[in-house]
């Protein structure tokens, strides 16, 4: 059967659309599976998808990903923009941060999307504050370009934002790293708790309490959710710098937020409270800990025992140590005697150094009388038979 001229044209158009659709599948599949090559994408390769591709600009391909998974309800349309030049293996990139910035700026001013490799290379090349300043300038220009020319309202992906924060730390440009935590910023950066942790780890490495406080204030203002890992770093900084007031402040904030702390965080918090003689804080923290963690550590168990000694309840202190002893595997039970000896010979003098006047005198008398009672209770059940009470220093 012959085909009319109009029919041939229709068949040609449909065939071309099919080829274009197949090309779009390959391009978008590469984009989704390689997040590093596309810092502007938010695709997810595990979901069923249909692809439609069309050229967009001089050096830019535009991929539109339609997510149609059943559990997602209405279709979610995700836009991703990337440059074909970014995938050229033989492309020679500039070596310095200034040259990379110039190349990126040249592309933006020409209203063409620059190769992604340029931006990643600039992030990696940053080594001082001037480099970071250039990086943030081009990020702002790229955000405006994507919004005005490509109609992309989404921020850069999380991985790029984390790498930007790491570059700020590496370049000692922490004020710019803070900007990466702002919920509303002009750089297209998406604040994440991972970026905050990178800054907090830098504060921990330098025991920088002021930096830690600034970061925590930024997290609060920008409503970033606190995580157990955040508490680990913050509590560790406070513990290492001997700052009980600050540790107590942040402990209340984490507990109020319902954060399920890790064992190390409970250890730092309760051991420090025992050094300060704050029995109330120890027992309150223990109530929170027991809801999330079944077993004691040496740190939390002996902190509770010390709290009961401060409250003049030596039998309760012995009961806590006895429970800890029963919960421990056989290989660790011999260490209980060592911890009891530390309680006798080290803790009282450390505690009394922080007390003054009548409070110190009253605590001195109570420890002298109550610690032997606790030891007697432990000996009656066969725990800590080698403790030397002659080393009781109070």
Protein backbone atom coordinates (compact mmCIF):
# COMPACT_ATOMS: atom_id res chain seq x y z
CA UNK A 1 0.00 0.00 0.00
CA UNK A 2 1.40 3.42 -0.95
CA UNK A 3 1.98 6.10 1.63
CA UNK A 4 0.95 9.67 0.91
CA UNK A 5 3.34 12.62 1.31
CA UNK A 6 1.66 13.71 4.57
CA UNK A 7 1.90 10.16 5.92
CA UNK A 8 5.62 9.97 5.14
CA UNK A 9 6.25 13.24 6.95
CA UNK A 10 4.32 12.03 10.01
CA UNK A 11 6.25 8.73 10.03
CA UNK A 12 9.57 10.63 9.80
CA UNK A 13 8.63 12.91 12.73
CA UNK A 14 7.58 10.00 14.94
CA UNK A 15 10.77 8.08 14.17
CA UNK A 16 12.90 11.12 15.01
CA UNK A 17 11.08 11.57 18.33
CA UNK A 18 11.75 7.92 19.19
CA UNK A 19 15.48 8.31 18.52
CA UNK A 20 15.58 11.52 20.57
CA UNK A 21 13.80 9.80 23.46
CA UNK A 22 16.34 6.95 23.43
CA UNK A 23 19.20 9.46 23.45
CA UNK A 24 17.62 11.18 26.42
CA UNK A 25 17.54 7.88 28.31
CA UNK A 26 21.28 7.42 27.91
CA UNK A 27 22.10 10.99 28.86
CA UNK A 28 19.88 11.06 31.91
CA UNK A 29 20.93 7.59 33.07
CA UNK A 30 24.54 8.77 33.04
CA UNK A 31 23.57 11.89 34.97
CA UNK A 32 21.68 10.03 37.69
CA UNK A 33 24.32 7.36 38.21
CA UNK A 34 27.19 9.85 38.44
CA UNK A 35 26.30 12.55 41.00
CA UNK A 36 29.84 13.94 40.95
CA UNK A 37 29.55 14.76 37.25
CA UNK A 38 26.31 16.64 37.87
CA UNK A 39 26.26 18.81 40.99
CA UNK A 40 22.92 20.24 39.94
CA UNK A 41 20.97 16.98 39.77
CA UNK A 42 18.57 15.45 42.24
CA UNK A 43 17.75 12.26 40.34
CA UNK A 44 17.33 8.83 41.94
CA UNK A 45 18.39 5.87 39.84
CA UNK A 46 16.39 3.28 41.79
CA UNK A 47 13.00 4.61 40.65
CA UNK A 48 11.18 3.82 37.39
CA UNK A 49 11.43 6.75 35.00
CA UNK A 50 10.71 8.04 31.51
CA UNK A 51 13.15 10.41 29.85
CA UNK A 52 12.69 13.27 27.44
CA UNK A 53 15.73 15.21 26.26
CA UNK A 54 16.15 18.35 24.23
CA UNK A 55 19.06 20.70 23.57
CA UNK A 56 19.20 23.68 25.89
CA UNK A 57 21.78 26.32 25.11
CA UNK A 58 25.05 26.23 23.25
CA UNK A 59 26.98 23.72 25.36
CA UNK A 60 24.19 22.39 27.52
CA UNK A 61 21.93 19.36 27.36
CA UNK A 62 18.64 19.49 29.21
CA UNK A 63 17.32 16.27 30.73
CA UNK A 64 13.86 15.98 32.18
CA UNK A 65 13.23 13.01 34.46
CA UNK A 66 9.67 11.93 35.16
CA UNK A 67 9.46 9.77 38.29
CA UNK A 68 6.37 7.59 38.21
CA UNK A 69 6.84 5.10 41.06
CA UNK A 70 3.58 3.82 42.47
CA UNK A 71 4.31 4.82 46.05
CA UNK A 72 5.07 8.40 45.04
CA UNK A 73 1.50 9.25 44.09
CA UNK A 74 1.56 12.23 41.71
CA UNK A 75 4.45 12.24 39.27
CA UNK A 76 7.50 14.13 40.50
CA UNK A 77 9.27 16.18 37.85
CA UNK A 78 12.98 16.60 38.39
CA UNK A 79 15.13 18.84 36.21
CA UNK A 80 18.85 18.32 35.77
CA UNK A 81 21.27 20.42 33.75
CA UNK A 82 24.73 19.44 32.77
CA UNK A 83 27.30 20.21 30.16
CA UNK A 84 28.39 17.80 27.46
CA UNK A 85 31.89 19.20 27.82
CA UNK A 86 32.12 17.88 31.39
CA UNK A 87 32.41 14.32 30.11
CA UNK A 88 35.27 14.86 27.70
CA UNK A 89 38.09 12.74 29.09
CA UNK A 90 40.73 14.54 27.06
CA UNK A 91 39.71 18.03 28.24
CA UNK A 92 42.58 19.98 29.80
CA UNK A 93 41.49 21.97 32.85
CA UNK A 94 43.20 25.09 34.18
CA UNK A 95 45.52 24.45 37.12
CA UNK A 96 44.95 27.36 39.51
CA UNK A 97 41.79 28.41 41.34
CA UNK A 98 41.97 31.84 39.70
CA UNK A 99 42.10 30.31 36.20
CA UNK A 100 39.22 27.97 36.98
CA UNK A 101 37.17 30.88 38.28
CA UNK A 102 37.91 32.85 35.11
CA UNK A 103 36.77 29.96 32.90
CA UNK A 104 33.56 29.52 34.88
CA UNK A 105 32.82 33.24 34.79
CA UNK A 106 33.49 33.34 31.04
CA UNK A 107 30.89 30.63 30.42
CA UNK A 108 28.28 32.27 32.65
CA UNK A 109 28.75 35.67 31.03
CA UNK A 110 28.36 33.99 27.63
CA UNK A 111 25.10 32.51 28.94
CA UNK A 112 26.27 28.92 28.51
CA UNK A 113 26.36 26.32 31.25
CA UNK A 114 30.03 25.66 32.16
CA UNK A 115 31.38 22.09 32.35
CA UNK A 116 30.77 20.54 35.76
CA UNK A 117 34.40 19.44 35.94
CA UNK A 118 35.41 23.10 36.23
CA UNK A 119 33.33 23.66 39.36
CA UNK A 120 34.50 20.44 41.01
CA UNK A 121 38.11 21.31 40.21
CA UNK A 122 37.71 24.78 41.67
CA UNK A 123 36.38 23.30 44.92
CA UNK A 124 39.33 20.90 45.10
CA UNK A 125 41.89 23.61 44.28
CA UNK A 126 40.79 26.00 47.03
CA UNK A 127 43.62 26.40 49.53
CA UNK A 128 43.19 29.88 51.04
CA UNK A 129 40.56 32.49 51.82
CA UNK A 130 40.98 34.26 48.48
CA UNK A 131 40.22 31.02 46.64
CA UNK A 132 37.13 30.46 48.79
CA UNK A 133 35.99 34.01 48.09
CA UNK A 134 36.18 33.31 44.35
CA UNK A 135 34.32 30.01 44.84
CA UNK A 136 31.41 31.68 46.60
CA UNK A 137 31.30 34.45 44.01
CA UNK A 138 30.93 31.95 41.18
CA UNK A 139 28.40 29.89 43.15
CA UNK A 140 26.24 32.99 43.43
CA UNK A 141 26.61 33.71 39.70
CA UNK A 142 25.76 30.11 38.85
CA UNK A 143 22.66 30.20 41.03
CA UNK A 144 21.42 33.35 39.27
CA UNK A 145 22.25 31.85 35.87
CA UNK A 146 20.39 28.61 36.61
CA UNK A 147 17.37 30.50 37.89
CA UNK A 148 17.13 33.13 35.16
CA UNK A 149 18.30 31.17 32.12
CA UNK A 150 17.45 27.56 32.95
CA UNK A 151 14.49 28.14 35.28
CA UNK A 152 16.00 25.87 37.96
CA UNK A 153 14.81 26.78 41.44
CA UNK A 154 16.45 23.87 43.27
CA UNK A 155 19.74 24.21 45.15
CA UNK A 156 22.92 22.28 44.39
CA UNK A 157 22.94 18.72 45.67
CA UNK A 158 24.03 17.78 49.19
CA UNK A 159 27.35 16.25 48.15
CA UNK A 160 28.56 19.44 46.52
CA UNK A 161 27.56 21.48 49.56
CA UNK A 162 29.53 19.15 51.85
CA UNK A 163 32.60 19.46 49.63
CA UNK A 164 32.28 23.25 49.71
CA UNK A 165 32.26 23.14 53.52
CA UNK A 166 35.32 20.88 53.56
CA UNK A 167 37.10 23.33 51.26
CA UNK A 168 36.28 26.16 53.67
CA UNK A 169 37.76 24.20 56.59
CA UNK A 170 40.83 23.26 54.58
CA UNK A 171 41.35 26.89 53.56
CA UNK A 172 40.77 28.28 57.07
CA UNK A 173 37.78 30.26 55.79
CA UNK A 174 35.36 29.23 58.51
CA UNK A 175 33.15 32.31 58.13
CA UNK A 176 32.29 31.09 54.63
CA UNK A 177 31.75 27.58 55.96
CA UNK A 178 29.11 29.04 58.29
CA UNK A 179 27.29 30.46 55.27
CA UNK A 180 26.85 26.93 53.96
CA UNK A 181 24.62 26.29 57.00
CA UNK A 182 22.22 29.15 56.29
CA UNK A 183 18.76 27.98 55.33
CA UNK A 184 18.32 30.95 53.01
CA UNK A 185 21.48 31.86 51.12
CA UNK A 186 22.33 33.36 47.74
CA UNK A 187 24.79 30.61 46.80
CA UNK A 188 22.40 27.75 46.07
CA UNK A 189 23.85 25.72 48.95
CA UNK A 190 21.64 23.31 50.87
CA UNK A 191 22.52 23.27 54.60
CA UNK A 192 22.95 19.80 56.07
CA UNK A 193 23.95 18.44 59.46
CA UNK A 194 26.87 16.67 57.75
CA UNK A 195 28.35 20.05 56.82
CA UNK A 196 27.85 21.21 60.41
CA UNK A 197 29.64 18.10 61.70
CA UNK A 198 32.63 18.89 59.49
CA UNK A 199 32.90 22.34 61.09
CA UNK A 200 32.38 20.92 64.59
CA UNK A 201 35.14 18.37 64.05
CA UNK A 202 37.47 21.24 63.19
CA UNK A 203 36.46 22.92 66.46
CA UNK A 204 37.15 19.67 68.31
CA UNK A 205 40.60 19.30 66.76
CA UNK A 206 41.52 22.75 68.10
CA UNK A 207 39.43 22.65 71.32
CA UNK A 208 37.74 25.80 70.00
CA UNK A 209 34.76 26.35 72.29
CA UNK A 210 33.82 29.71 70.75
CA UNK A 211 33.63 28.21 67.26
CA UNK A 212 31.49 25.37 68.59
CA UNK A 213 29.08 27.85 70.18
CA UNK A 214 28.82 29.82 66.92
CA UNK A 215 28.06 26.66 64.95
CA UNK A 216 25.41 25.56 67.45
CA UNK A 217 23.79 29.00 67.29
CA UNK A 218 23.65 28.80 63.49
CA UNK A 219 22.08 25.34 63.69
CA UNK A 220 19.42 26.65 66.04
CA UNK A 221 18.61 29.72 63.93
CA UNK A 222 18.34 27.68 60.74
CA UNK A 223 16.33 24.86 62.33
CA UNK A 224 18.78 22.12 61.39
CA UNK A 225 17.87 18.91 63.27
CA UNK A 226 20.28 17.77 65.97
CA UNK A 227 21.68 14.25 65.59
CA UNK A 228 23.37 11.79 67.98
CA UNK A 229 26.64 12.43 66.16
CA UNK A 230 26.28 16.15 66.87
CA UNK A 231 26.05 15.43 70.59
CA UNK A 232 29.13 13.18 70.44
CA UNK A 233 31.26 16.02 69.09
CA UNK A 234 29.79 18.80 71.25
CA UNK A 235 29.97 16.82 74.50
CA UNK A 236 33.53 15.77 73.70
CA UNK A 237 34.62 19.39 73.21
CA UNK A 238 33.01 20.45 76.49
CA UNK A 239 34.53 17.48 78.33
CA UNK A 240 38.03 18.05 76.94
CA UNK A 241 37.93 21.76 77.80
CA UNK A 242 36.56 21.07 81.30
CA UNK A 243 33.49 23.24 80.68
CA UNK A 244 30.68 21.74 82.74
CA UNK A 245 28.42 24.77 82.43
CA UNK A 246 28.41 24.55 78.65
CA UNK A 247 28.06 20.76 78.64
CA UNK A 248 25.06 21.01 80.96
CA UNK A 249 23.49 23.65 78.72
CA UNK A 250 23.79 21.59 75.54
CA UNK A 251 22.80 18.37 77.30
CA UNK A 252 19.46 19.95 78.21
CA UNK A 253 19.02 21.08 74.61
CA UNK A 254 19.69 17.62 73.17
CA UNK A 255 17.55 15.80 75.73
CA UNK A 256 14.68 18.26 75.25
CA UNK A 257 14.85 17.65 71.50
CA UNK A 258 14.49 13.91 72.14
CA UNK A 259 17.81 12.99 70.54
CA UNK A 260 18.78 9.36 71.17
CA UNK A 261 22.35 9.82 72.35
CA UNK A 262 25.14 7.34 71.74
CA UNK A 263 26.84 5.55 74.64
CA UNK A 264 29.90 7.78 74.42
CA UNK A 265 27.75 10.90 74.82
CA UNK A 266 26.11 9.49 77.95
CA UNK A 267 29.56 8.55 79.28
CA UNK A 268 30.93 12.07 78.80
CA UNK A 269 27.85 13.71 80.29
CA UNK A 270 27.42 11.50 83.35
CA UNK A 271 31.13 11.15 84.17
CA UNK A 272 31.55 14.92 84.07
CA UNK A 273 28.49 15.37 86.28
CA UNK A 274 30.05 12.92 88.77
CA UNK A 275 33.24 15.00 88.85
CA UNK A 276 31.15 18.09 89.57
CA UNK A 277 29.09 16.32 92.23
CA UNK A 278 25.83 17.01 90.38
CA UNK A 279 23.79 13.99 91.47
CA UNK A 280 20.55 15.47 90.16
CA UNK A 281 21.89 15.74 86.60
CA UNK A 282 23.27 12.20 86.73
CA UNK A 283 19.99 10.62 87.79
CA UNK A 284 17.94 12.71 85.37
CA UNK A 285 20.22 11.71 82.50
CA UNK A 286 19.99 8.09 83.62
CA UNK A 287 16.21 8.21 83.22
CA UNK A 288 16.67 9.31 79.61
CA UNK A 289 19.45 6.77 78.96
CA UNK A 290 17.49 3.81 80.32
CA UNK A 291 14.70 4.48 77.80
CA UNK A 292 17.03 4.04 74.84
CA UNK A 293 19.89 1.83 76.07
CA UNK A 294 19.43 -1.32 78.10
CA UNK A 295 22.95 -1.93 79.39
CA UNK A 296 25.26 0.29 81.41
CA UNK A 297 28.85 1.10 80.51
CA UNK A 298 31.50 1.43 83.22
CA UNK A 299 31.14 5.20 82.87
CA UNK A 300 27.37 5.43 83.30
CA UNK A 301 27.15 2.66 85.92
CA UNK A 302 29.76 4.14 88.25
CA UNK A 303 28.40 7.65 87.66
CA UNK A 304 25.07 6.47 89.07
CA UNK A 305 26.87 4.86 92.03
CA UNK A 306 28.63 8.16 92.76
CA UNK A 307 25.33 10.02 92.55
CA UNK A 308 23.86 7.75 95.22
CA UNK A 309 26.92 8.27 97.41
CA UNK A 310 26.46 12.04 97.12
CA UNK A 311 22.82 11.56 98.15
CA UNK A 312 23.98 9.41 101.10
CA UNK A 313 22.53 6.14 99.77
CA UNK A 314 25.53 3.74 99.85
CA UNK A 315 23.34 0.62 99.58
CA UNK A 316 21.84 1.93 96.33
CA UNK A 317 25.35 2.65 95.05
CA UNK A 318 26.36 -0.95 95.78
CA UNK A 319 23.20 -2.22 94.05
CA UNK A 320 24.04 -0.32 90.85
CA UNK A 321 27.58 -1.72 90.79
CA UNK A 322 26.21 -5.21 91.48
CA UNK A 323 23.79 -4.90 88.55
CA UNK A 324 26.59 -3.70 86.29
CA UNK A 325 28.71 -6.67 87.38
CA UNK A 326 25.95 -9.13 86.51
CA UNK A 327 25.40 -7.59 83.07
CA UNK A 328 29.06 -7.69 82.07
CA UNK A 329 30.56 -10.62 80.15
CA UNK A 330 32.95 -12.76 82.18
CA UNK A 331 35.99 -11.30 80.44
CA UNK A 332 35.19 -7.79 81.74
CA UNK A 333 34.07 -8.61 85.29
CA UNK A 334 37.61 -8.42 86.77
CA UNK A 335 37.77 -4.74 85.75
CA UNK A 336 34.96 -3.86 88.17
CA UNK A 337 37.41 -4.07 91.09
CA UNK A 338 39.71 -1.59 89.33
CA UNK A 339 36.86 0.87 88.86
CA UNK A 340 35.82 0.53 92.50
CA UNK A 341 39.41 1.24 93.54
CA UNK A 342 39.41 4.41 91.40
CA UNK A 343 36.18 5.47 93.08
CA UNK A 344 37.87 5.07 96.46
CA UNK A 345 41.29 6.56 95.74
CA UNK A 346 40.72 9.18 93.00
CA UNK A 347 37.15 10.42 92.81
CA UNK A 348 36.71 11.90 96.35
CA UNK A 349 39.73 14.22 96.12
CA UNK A 350 38.75 15.31 92.60
CA UNK A 351 35.20 16.02 93.76
CA UNK A 352 36.20 17.92 96.88
CA UNK A 353 38.45 20.26 94.89
CA UNK A 354 35.32 21.70 93.29
CA UNK A 355 33.48 22.29 96.57
CA UNK A 356 33.89 25.06 99.13
CA UNK A 357 32.95 25.93 102.68
CA UNK A 358 30.26 24.05 104.54
CA UNK A 359 29.24 22.05 101.48
CA UNK A 360 32.76 20.68 101.22
CA UNK A 361 32.90 19.75 104.91
CA UNK A 362 29.53 17.99 104.82
CA UNK A 363 30.47 16.05 101.69
CA UNK A 364 33.81 15.07 103.22
CA UNK A 365 32.14 13.54 106.27
CA UNK A 366 29.50 11.70 104.25
CA UNK A 367 32.04 10.11 101.89
CA UNK A 368 34.24 8.97 104.77
CA UNK A 369 31.33 7.11 106.32
CA UNK A 370 29.34 5.99 103.26
CA UNK A 371 32.08 4.63 100.97
CA UNK A 372 33.09 1.90 103.50
CA UNK A 373 29.41 0.94 103.79
CA UNK A 374 29.19 0.56 100.02
CA UNK A 375 32.37 -1.54 99.94
CA UNK A 376 31.03 -3.81 102.68
CA UNK A 377 27.86 -4.39 100.66
CA UNK A 378 29.94 -5.29 97.61
CA UNK A 379 32.18 -7.66 99.57
CA UNK A 380 29.14 -9.50 100.91
CA UNK A 381 28.20 -10.51 97.36
CA UNK A 382 31.77 -11.28 96.28
CA UNK A 383 32.51 -8.15 94.25
CA UNK A 384 35.72 -6.11 94.50
CA UNK A 385 37.47 -8.18 97.19
CA UNK A 386 40.82 -6.46 96.56
CA UNK A 387 39.75 -2.86 97.24
CA UNK A 388 42.11 -1.04 99.60
CA UNK A 389 40.19 1.39 101.82
CA UNK A 390 43.46 2.80 103.15
CA UNK A 391 43.66 4.77 99.89
CA UNK A 392 40.42 6.59 100.64
CA UNK A 393 41.54 10.19 100.18
CA UNK A 394 38.99 12.51 101.64
